[in-house]
PDB file of N, CA and C in Angstrom:
ATOM      1  N   LEU A   1      -2.509  64.536 -11.605  1.00  0.00           N
ATOM      2  CA  LEU A   1      -2.752  63.177 -11.031  1.00  0.00           C
ATOM      3  C   LEU A   1      -3.889  63.205  -9.963  1.00  0.00           C
ATOM      4  N   VAL A   2      -3.950  64.307  -9.242  1.00  0.00           N
ATOM      5  CA  VAL A   2      -4.830  64.532  -8.137  1.00  0.00           C
ATOM      6  C   VAL A   2      -6.323  64.483  -8.723  1.00  0.00           C
ATOM      7  N   ASN A   3      -6.401  65.053  -9.954  1.00  0.00           N
ATOM      8  CA  ASN A   3      -7.779  65.049 -10.516  1.00  0.00           C
ATOM      9  C   ASN A   3      -8.241  63.779 -10.975  1.00  0.00           C
ATOM     10  N   GLN A   4      -7.348  62.815 -11.039  1.00  0.00           N
ATOM     11  CA  GLN A   4      -7.673  61.463 -11.498  1.00  0.00           C
ATOM     12  C   GLN A   4      -8.105  60.536 -10.335  1.00  0.00           C
ATOM     13  N   LEU A   5      -8.063  61.006  -9.154  1.00  0.00           N
ATOM     14  CA  LEU A   5      -8.409  60.295  -7.922  1.00  0.00           C
ATOM     15  C   LEU A   5      -9.953  60.165  -7.903  1.00  0.00           C
ATOM     16  N   PRO A   6     -10.413  59.097  -7.300  1.00  0.00           N
ATOM     17  CA  PRO A   6     -11.791  58.869  -7.030  1.00  0.00           C
ATOM     18  C   PRO A   6     -12.167  60.031  -6.118  1.00  0.00           C
ATOM     19  N   GLU A   7     -13.549  60.390  -6.177  1.00  0.00           N
ATOM     20  CA  GLU A   7     -13.974  61.720  -5.484  1.00  0.00           C
ATOM     21  C   GLU A   7     -13.657  61.552  -3.937  1.00  0.00           C
ATOM     22  N   ALA A   8     -13.977  60.341  -3.500  1.00  0.00           N
ATOM     23  CA  ALA A   8     -13.824  60.227  -1.940  1.00  0.00           C
ATOM     24  C   ALA A   8     -12.361  60.393  -1.665  1.00  0.00           C
ATOM     25  N   ASN A   9     -11.392  59.855  -2.300  1.00  0.00           N
ATOM     26  CA  ASN A   9     -10.088  60.008  -2.057  1.00  0.00           C
ATOM     27  C   ASN A   9      -9.598  61.488  -2.238  1.00  0.00           C
ATOM     28  N   LEU A  10     -10.082  62.219  -3.122  1.00  0.00           N
ATOM     29  CA  LEU A  10      -9.766  63.551  -3.256  1.00  0.00           C
ATOM     30  C   LEU A  10     -10.300  64.462  -2.222  1.00  0.00           C
ATOM     31  N   ILE A  11     -11.396  64.172  -1.698  1.00  0.00           N
ATOM     32  CA  ILE A  11     -12.047  64.933  -0.672  1.00  0.00           C
ATOM     33  C   ILE A  11     -11.201  64.653   0.627  1.00  0.00           C
ATOM     34  N   LEU A  12     -10.748  63.432   0.872  1.00  0.00           N
ATOM     35  CA  LEU A  12     -10.029  63.226   2.100  1.00  0.00           C
ATOM     36  C   LEU A  12      -8.624  63.748   2.039  1.00  0.00           C
ATOM     37  N   LEU A  13      -7.988  63.768   0.877  1.00  0.00           N
ATOM     38  CA  LEU A  13      -6.763  64.364   0.751  1.00  0.00           C
ATOM     39  C   LEU A  13      -6.822  65.989   0.876  1.00  0.00           C
ATOM     40  N   ARG A  14      -7.913  66.601   0.335  1.00  0.00           N
ATOM     41  CA  ARG A  14      -8.106  68.023   0.540  1.00  0.00           C
ATOM     42  C   ARG A  14      -8.253  68.380   1.926  1.00  0.00           C
ATOM     43  N   HIS A  15      -8.992  67.638   2.712  1.00  0.00           N
ATOM     44  CA  HIS A  15      -9.010  67.805   4.175  1.00  0.00           C
ATOM     45  C   HIS A  15      -7.884  67.616   4.855  1.00  0.00           C
ATOM     46  N   LEU A  16      -7.136  66.503   4.622  1.00  0.00           N
ATOM     47  CA  LEU A  16      -5.896  66.256   5.322  1.00  0.00           C
ATOM     48  C   LEU A  16      -4.840  67.277   5.102  1.00  0.00           C
ATOM     49  N   PHE A  17      -4.640  67.680   3.705  1.00  0.00           N
ATOM     50  CA  PHE A  17      -3.619  68.693   3.537  1.00  0.00           C
ATOM     51  C   PHE A  17      -4.148  70.068   3.822  1.00  0.00           C
ATOM     52  N   GLY A  18      -5.490  70.326   4.007  1.00  0.00           N
ATOM     53  CA  GLY A  18      -5.984  71.431   4.514  1.00  0.00           C
ATOM     54  C   GLY A  18      -5.583  71.758   5.822  1.00  0.00           C
ATOM     55  N   VAL A  19      -5.699  70.574   6.759  1.00  0.00           N
ATOM     56  CA  VAL A  19      -5.327  70.721   8.158  1.00  0.00           C
ATOM     57  C   VAL A  19      -3.803  70.981   8.217  1.00  0.00           C
ATOM     58  N   LEU A  20      -3.016  70.091   7.391  1.00  0.00           N
ATOM     59  CA  LEU A  20      -1.579  70.202   7.563  1.00  0.00           C
ATOM     60  C   LEU A  20      -1.174  71.662   7.092  1.00  0.00           C
ATOM     61  N   HIS A  21      -1.750  72.158   6.012  1.00  0.00           N
ATOM     62  CA  HIS A  21      -1.378  73.492   5.556  1.00  0.00           C
ATOM     63  C   HIS A  21      -1.717  74.581   6.768  1.00  0.00           C
ATOM     64  N   HIS A  22      -2.809  74.471   7.390  1.00  0.00           N
ATOM     65  CA  HIS A  22      -3.245  75.246   8.368  1.00  0.00           C
ATOM     66  C   HIS A  22      -2.217  75.229   9.595  1.00  0.00           C
ATOM     67  N   ILE A  23      -1.827  74.113   9.947  1.00  0.00           N
ATOM     68  CA  ILE A  23      -0.862  73.790  11.020  1.00  0.00           C
ATOM     69  C   ILE A  23       0.545  74.606  10.537  1.00  0.00           C
ATOM     70  N   GLU A  24       0.851  74.383   9.273  1.00  0.00           N
ATOM     71  CA  GLU A  24       2.114  74.927   8.772  1.00  0.00           C
ATOM     72  C   GLU A  24       2.084  76.393   8.658  1.00  0.00           C
ATOM     73  N   GLN A  25       0.945  77.022   8.570  1.00  0.00           N
ATOM     74  CA  GLN A  25       0.740  78.504   8.404  1.00  0.00           C
ATOM     75  C   GLN A  25       1.046  79.110   9.955  1.00  0.00           C
ATOM     76  N   ASN A  26       0.833  78.275  10.844  1.00  0.00           N
ATOM     77  CA  ASN A  26       1.078  78.834  12.273  1.00  0.00           C
ATOM     78  C   ASN A  26       2.495  78.223  12.756  1.00  0.00           C
ATOM     79  N   SER A  27       3.506  78.006  12.003  1.00  0.00           N
ATOM     80  CA  SER A  27       4.817  77.345  12.296  1.00  0.00           C
ATOM     81  C   SER A  27       5.486  78.235  13.219  1.00  0.00           C
ATOM     82  N   GLY A  28       5.348  79.580  13.186  1.00  0.00           N
ATOM     83  CA  GLY A  28       5.982  80.435  14.005  1.00  0.00           C
ATOM     84  C   GLY A  28       5.658  80.330  15.505  1.00  0.00           C
ATOM     85  N   VAL A  29       4.543  79.730  15.800  1.00  0.00           N
ATOM     86  CA  VAL A  29       4.198  79.492  17.013  1.00  0.00           C
ATOM     87  C   VAL A  29       4.267  77.954  17.520  1.00  0.00           C
ATOM     88  N   ASN A  30       4.061  77.095  16.522  1.00  0.00           N
ATOM     89  CA  ASN A  30       3.950  75.657  16.754  1.00  0.00           C
ATOM     90  C   ASN A  30       5.308  74.910  16.482  1.00  0.00           C
ATOM     91  N   GLN A  31       6.290  75.537  15.662  1.00  0.00           N
ATOM     92  CA  GLN A  31       7.403  75.058  15.149  1.00  0.00           C
ATOM     93  C   GLN A  31       7.198  73.857  14.264  1.00  0.00           C
ATOM     94  N   MET A  32       5.951  73.762  13.613  1.00  0.00           N
ATOM     95  CA  MET A  32       5.791  72.654  12.757  1.00  0.00           C
ATOM     96  C   MET A  32       5.609  73.188  11.369  1.00  0.00           C
ATOM     97  N   ASN A  33       6.718  73.283  10.701  1.00  0.00           N
ATOM     98  CA  ASN A  33       6.849  73.820   9.286  1.00  0.00           C
ATOM     99  C   ASN A  33       6.409  72.554   8.426  1.00  0.00           C
ATOM    100  N   ALA A  34       6.448  72.835   7.163  1.00  0.00           N
ATOM    101  CA  ALA A  34       6.126  71.628   6.145  1.00  0.00           C
ATOM    102  C   ALA A  34       7.029  70.597   6.379  1.00  0.00           C
ATOM    103  N   PHE A  35       8.409  70.873   6.491  1.00  0.00           N
ATOM    104  CA  PHE A  35       9.299  69.796   6.666  1.00  0.00           C
ATOM    105  C   PHE A  35       9.001  68.964   7.847  1.00  0.00           C
ATOM    106  N   ASN A  36       8.808  69.484   8.945  1.00  0.00           N
ATOM    107  CA  ASN A  36       8.677  68.785  10.183  1.00  0.00           C
ATOM    108  C   ASN A  36       7.382  67.901  10.137  1.00  0.00           C
ATOM    109  N   LEU A  37       6.250  68.479   9.677  1.00  0.00           N
ATOM    110  CA  LEU A  37       5.101  67.768   9.473  1.00  0.00           C
ATOM    111  C   LEU A  37       5.210  66.525   8.461  1.00  0.00           C
ATOM    112  N   ALA A  38       6.061  66.865   7.435  1.00  0.00           N
ATOM    113  CA  ALA A  38       6.057  65.709   6.562  1.00  0.00           C
ATOM    114  C   ALA A  38       6.816  64.633   7.112  1.00  0.00           C
ATOM    115  N   LEU A  39       8.002  64.875   7.999  1.00  0.00           N
ATOM    116  CA  LEU A  39       8.696  63.856   8.677  1.00  0.00           C
ATOM    117  C   LEU A  39       7.745  63.073   9.613  1.00  0.00           C
ATOM    118  N   CYS A  40       6.807  63.675  10.257  1.00  0.00           N
ATOM    119  CA  CYS A  40       5.779  62.949  11.151  1.00  0.00           C
ATOM    120  C   CYS A  40       4.821  62.185  10.401  1.00  0.00           C
ATOM    121  N   ILE A  41       4.329  62.777   9.307  1.00  0.00           N
ATOM    122  CA  ILE A  41       3.094  62.192   8.605  1.00  0.00           C
ATOM    123  C   ILE A  41       3.587  61.191   7.494  1.00  0.00           C
ATOM    124  N   ALA A  42       4.648  61.360   6.813  1.00  0.00           N
ATOM    125  CA  ALA A  42       4.980  60.645   5.756  1.00  0.00           C
ATOM    126  C   ALA A  42       5.011  59.082   6.021  1.00  0.00           C
ATOM    127  N   PRO A  43       5.675  58.630   7.076  1.00  0.00           N
ATOM    128  CA  PRO A  43       5.826  57.180   7.151  1.00  0.00           C
ATOM    129  C   PRO A  43       4.369  56.557   7.435  1.00  0.00           C
ATOM    130  N   ASN A  44       3.318  57.231   7.704  1.00  0.00           N
ATOM    131  CA  ASN A  44       2.082  56.632   7.825  1.00  0.00           C
ATOM    132  C   ASN A  44       1.225  56.751   6.570  1.00  0.00           C
ATOM    133  N   MET A  45       1.644  57.428   5.567  1.00  0.00           N
ATOM    134  CA  MET A  45       0.874  57.673   4.387  1.00  0.00           C
ATOM    135  C   MET A  45       1.153  56.630   3.314  1.00  0.00           C
ATOM    136  N   LEU A  46       2.452  56.385   2.978  1.00  0.00           N
ATOM    137  CA  LEU A  46       2.900  55.510   1.912  1.00  0.00           C
ATOM    138  C   LEU A  46       3.984  54.699   2.396  1.00  0.00           C
ATOM    139  N   TRP A  47       4.011  53.512   1.874  1.00  0.00           N
ATOM    140  CA  TRP A  47       5.247  52.675   2.397  1.00  0.00           C
ATOM    141  C   TRP A  47       5.319  51.496   1.247  1.00  0.00           C
ATOM    142  N   LEU A  48       6.432  50.807   1.310  1.00  0.00           N
ATOM    143  CA  LEU A  48       6.777  49.933   0.145  1.00  0.00           C
ATOM    144  C   LEU A  48       5.807  48.653   0.555  1.00  0.00           C
ATOM    145  N   PRO A  49       5.380  47.981  -0.577  1.00  0.00           N
ATOM    146  CA  PRO A  49       4.550  46.829  -0.463  1.00  0.00           C
ATOM    147  C   PRO A  49       5.035  45.553   0.253  1.00  0.00           C
ATOM    148  N   SER A  50       6.367  45.474   0.180  1.00  0.00           N
ATOM    149  CA  SER A  50       6.983  44.353   0.746  1.00  0.00           C
ATOM    150  C   SER A  50       8.079  44.796   1.546  1.00  0.00           C
ATOM    151  N   PRO A  51       8.463  43.884   2.570  1.00  0.00           N
ATOM    152  CA  PRO A  51       9.577  44.348   3.502  1.00  0.00           C
ATOM    153  C   PRO A  51      10.863  44.576   2.782  1.00  0.00           C
ATOM    154  N   THR A  52      11.694  45.383   3.002  1.00  0.00           N
ATOM    155  CA  THR A  52      13.052  45.668   2.392  1.00  0.00           C
ATOM    156  C   THR A  52      14.021  45.901   3.599  1.00  0.00           C
ATOM    157  N   GLY A  53      15.198  46.206   3.181  1.00  0.00           N
ATOM    158  CA  GLY A  53      16.233  46.506   4.090  1.00  0.00           C
ATOM    159  C   GLY A  53      16.180  47.856   4.542  1.00  0.00           C
ATOM    160  N   PRO A  54      16.755  48.227   5.721  1.00  0.00           N
ATOM    161  CA  PRO A  54      16.784  49.488   6.369  1.00  0.00           C
ATOM    162  C   PRO A  54      17.147  50.686   5.411  1.00  0.00           C
ATOM    163  N   GLU A  55      18.155  50.480   4.485  1.00  0.00           N
ATOM    164  CA  GLU A  55      18.540  51.420   3.549  1.00  0.00           C
ATOM    165  C   GLU A  55      17.431  51.816   2.548  1.00  0.00           C
ATOM    166  N   GLU A  56      16.923  50.778   2.060  1.00  0.00           N
ATOM    167  CA  GLU A  56      15.821  50.964   0.966  1.00  0.00           C
ATOM    168  C   GLU A  56      14.516  51.621   1.696  1.00  0.00           C
ATOM    169  N   GLU A  57      14.347  51.231   2.866  1.00  0.00           N
ATOM    170  CA  GLU A  57      13.151  51.792   3.691  1.00  0.00           C
ATOM    171  C   GLU A  57      13.521  53.355   4.029  1.00  0.00           C
ATOM    172  N   SER A  58      14.724  53.704   4.373  1.00  0.00           N
ATOM    173  CA  SER A  58      15.049  55.047   4.593  1.00  0.00           C
ATOM    174  C   SER A  58      14.895  55.889   3.381  1.00  0.00           C
ATOM    175  N   ARG A  59      15.418  55.362   2.300  1.00  0.00           N
ATOM    176  CA  ARG A  59      15.345  56.201   0.942  1.00  0.00           C
ATOM    177  C   ARG A  59      13.823  56.407   0.566  1.00  0.00           C
ATOM    178  N   SER A  60      13.102  55.462   0.733  1.00  0.00           N
ATOM    179  CA  SER A  60      11.583  55.408   0.435  1.00  0.00           C
ATOM    180  C   SER A  60      10.956  56.411   1.421  1.00  0.00           C
ATOM    181  N   THR A  61      11.285  56.444   2.619  1.00  0.00           N
ATOM    182  CA  THR A  61      10.704  57.384   3.620  1.00  0.00           C
ATOM    183  C   THR A  61      11.050  58.779   3.316  1.00  0.00           C
ATOM    184  N   LYS A  62      12.239  59.042   2.842  1.00  0.00           N
ATOM    185  CA  LYS A  62      12.742  60.422   2.382  1.00  0.00           C
ATOM    186  C   LYS A  62      11.985  60.918   1.273  1.00  0.00           C
ATOM    187  N   LYS A  63      11.741  59.977   0.246  1.00  0.00           N
ATOM    188  CA  LYS A  63      11.066  60.384  -0.896  1.00  0.00           C
ATOM    189  C   LYS A  63       9.641  60.740  -0.558  1.00  0.00           C
ATOM    190  N   VAL A  64       8.998  60.023   0.273  1.00  0.00           N
ATOM    191  CA  VAL A  64       7.647  60.210   0.585  1.00  0.00           C
ATOM    192  C   VAL A  64       7.618  61.443   1.406  1.00  0.00           C
ATOM    193  N   ALA A  65       8.373  61.772   2.215  1.00  0.00           N
ATOM    194  CA  ALA A  65       8.595  63.070   3.007  1.00  0.00           C
ATOM    195  C   ALA A  65       8.606  64.129   2.139  1.00  0.00           C
ATOM    196  N   LEU A  66       9.411  64.167   1.187  1.00  0.00           N
ATOM    197  CA  LEU A  66       9.507  65.278   0.188  1.00  0.00           C
ATOM    198  C   LEU A  66       8.182  65.495  -0.617  1.00  0.00           C
ATOM    199  N   LEU A  67       7.589  64.561  -0.998  1.00  0.00           N
ATOM    200  CA  LEU A  67       6.357  64.551  -1.623  1.00  0.00           C
ATOM    201  C   LEU A  67       5.332  65.167  -0.668  1.00  0.00           C
ATOM    202  N   VAL A  68       5.213  64.797   0.502  1.00  0.00           N
ATOM    203  CA  VAL A  68       4.178  65.311   1.581  1.00  0.00           C
ATOM    204  C   VAL A  68       4.483  66.812   1.867  1.00  0.00           C
ATOM    205  N   GLN A  69       5.875  66.958   1.985  1.00  0.00           N
ATOM    206  CA  GLN A  69       6.299  68.423   2.226  1.00  0.00           C
ATOM    207  C   GLN A  69       5.753  69.277   0.921  1.00  0.00           C
ATOM    208  N   PHE A  70       6.014  68.756  -0.268  1.00  0.00           N
ATOM    209  CA  PHE A  70       5.597  69.569  -1.408  1.00  0.00           C
ATOM    210  C   PHE A  70       4.111  69.801  -1.526  1.00  0.00           C
ATOM    211  N   LEU A  71       3.406  68.771  -1.160  1.00  0.00           N
ATOM    212  CA  LEU A  71       1.780  68.874  -1.061  1.00  0.00           C
ATOM    213  C   LEU A  71       1.357  69.803   0.063  1.00  0.00           C
ATOM    214  N   ILE A  72       2.093  69.951   1.117  1.00  0.00           N
ATOM    215  CA  ILE A  72       1.664  70.782   2.134  1.00  0.00           C
ATOM    216  C   ILE A  72       1.897  72.289   1.719  1.00  0.00           C
ATOM    217  N   GLU A  73       3.123  72.457   1.140  1.00  0.00           N
ATOM    218  CA  GLU A  73       3.549  73.842   0.749  1.00  0.00           C
ATOM    219  C   GLU A  73       2.661  74.357  -0.452  1.00  0.00           C
ATOM    220  N   ASN A  74       2.282  73.455  -1.243  1.00  0.00           N
ATOM    221  CA  ASN A  74       1.438  73.938  -2.535  1.00  0.00           C
ATOM    222  C   ASN A  74       0.093  73.466  -2.489  1.00  0.00           C
ATOM    223  N   SER A  75      -0.466  73.179  -1.134  1.00  0.00           N
ATOM    224  CA  SER A  75      -1.855  72.685  -1.044  1.00  0.00           C
ATOM    225  C   SER A  75      -2.905  73.518  -1.746  1.00  0.00           C
ATOM    226  N   GLU A  76      -2.670  74.856  -1.590  1.00  0.00           N
ATOM    227  CA  GLU A  76      -3.806  75.781  -2.148  1.00  0.00           C
ATOM    228  C   GLU A  76      -3.754  75.623  -3.753  1.00  0.00           C
ATOM    229  N   GLU A  77      -2.555  75.509  -4.301  1.00  0.00           N
ATOM    230  CA  GLU A  77      -2.552  75.373  -5.710  1.00  0.00           C
ATOM    231  C   GLU A  77      -3.054  74.050  -6.204  1.00  0.00           C
ATOM    232  N   ILE A  78      -2.668  72.952  -5.496  1.00  0.00           N
ATOM    233  CA  ILE A  78      -3.104  71.631  -5.880  1.00  0.00           C
ATOM    234  C   ILE A  78      -4.609  71.365  -5.563  1.00  0.00           C
ATOM    235  N   PHE A  79      -5.130  71.672  -4.358  1.00  0.00           N
ATOM    236  CA  PHE A  79      -6.345  71.308  -4.082  1.00  0.00           C
ATOM    237  C   PHE A  79      -7.318  72.389  -4.046  1.00  0.00           C
ATOM    238  N   GLY A  80      -6.848  73.619  -4.546  1.00  0.00           N
ATOM    239  CA  GLY A  80      -7.842  74.790  -4.613  1.00  0.00           C
ATOM    240  C   GLY A  80      -7.525  75.782  -3.619  1.00  0.00           C
ATOM    241  N   GLY A  81      -7.663  77.004  -3.992  1.00  0.00           N
ATOM    242  CA  GLY A  81      -7.279  78.270  -3.203  1.00  0.00           C
ATOM    243  C   GLY A  81      -8.317  78.395  -2.005  1.00  0.00           C
ATOM    244  N   ASP A  82      -9.454  77.653  -2.050  1.00  0.00           N
ATOM    245  CA  ASP A  82     -10.480  77.825  -1.050  1.00  0.00           C
ATOM    246  C   ASP A  82     -10.330  76.711  -0.018  1.00  0.00           C
ATOM    247  N   ILE A  83      -8.994  76.089   0.180  1.00  0.00           N
ATOM    248  CA  ILE A  83      -8.736  75.011   1.027  1.00  0.00           C
ATOM    249  C   ILE A  83      -8.964  75.387   2.532  1.00  0.00           C
ATOM    250  N   ALA A  84      -8.872  76.664   2.869  1.00  0.00           N
ATOM    251  CA  ALA A  84      -9.192  77.205   4.205  1.00  0.00           C
ATOM    252  C   ALA A  84     -10.594  77.189   4.370  1.00  0.00           C
ATOM    253  N   SER A  85     -11.476  77.153   3.538  1.00  0.00           N
ATOM    254  CA  SER A  85     -12.925  77.192   3.718  1.00  0.00           C
ATOM    255  C   SER A  85     -13.322  75.907   4.203  1.00  0.00           C
ATOM    256  N   LEU A  86     -12.469  74.827   4.283  1.00  0.00           N
ATOM    257  CA  LEU A  86     -12.875  73.397   4.816  1.00  0.00           C
ATOM    258  C   LEU A  86     -13.168  73.540   6.125  1.00  0.00           C
ATOM    259  N   PHE A  87     -12.517  74.517   6.827  1.00  0.00           N
ATOM    260  CA  PHE A  87     -12.766  74.747   8.294  1.00  0.00           C
ATOM    261  C   PHE A  87     -13.996  75.306   8.607  1.00  0.00           C
TER     262      PHE A  87
END
């Protein structure tokens, strides 16, 4: 799916997840592992198109957080092993 994104979107995601992956690699110092980063970032990345109840919103946020965590943990495989070269 990532390869089907428009070029500009793919570049933006590579940079965003490159930064998040870099932060996660230093979690021993900064306490920001992939799970913690995902909880902070996920609510700002994807959301439901129409207002829903708190339960549905909570389920949606958890699903997005799991996706973001997966993307952080696997960013080198998803976006290319040279993701560190973005810095």
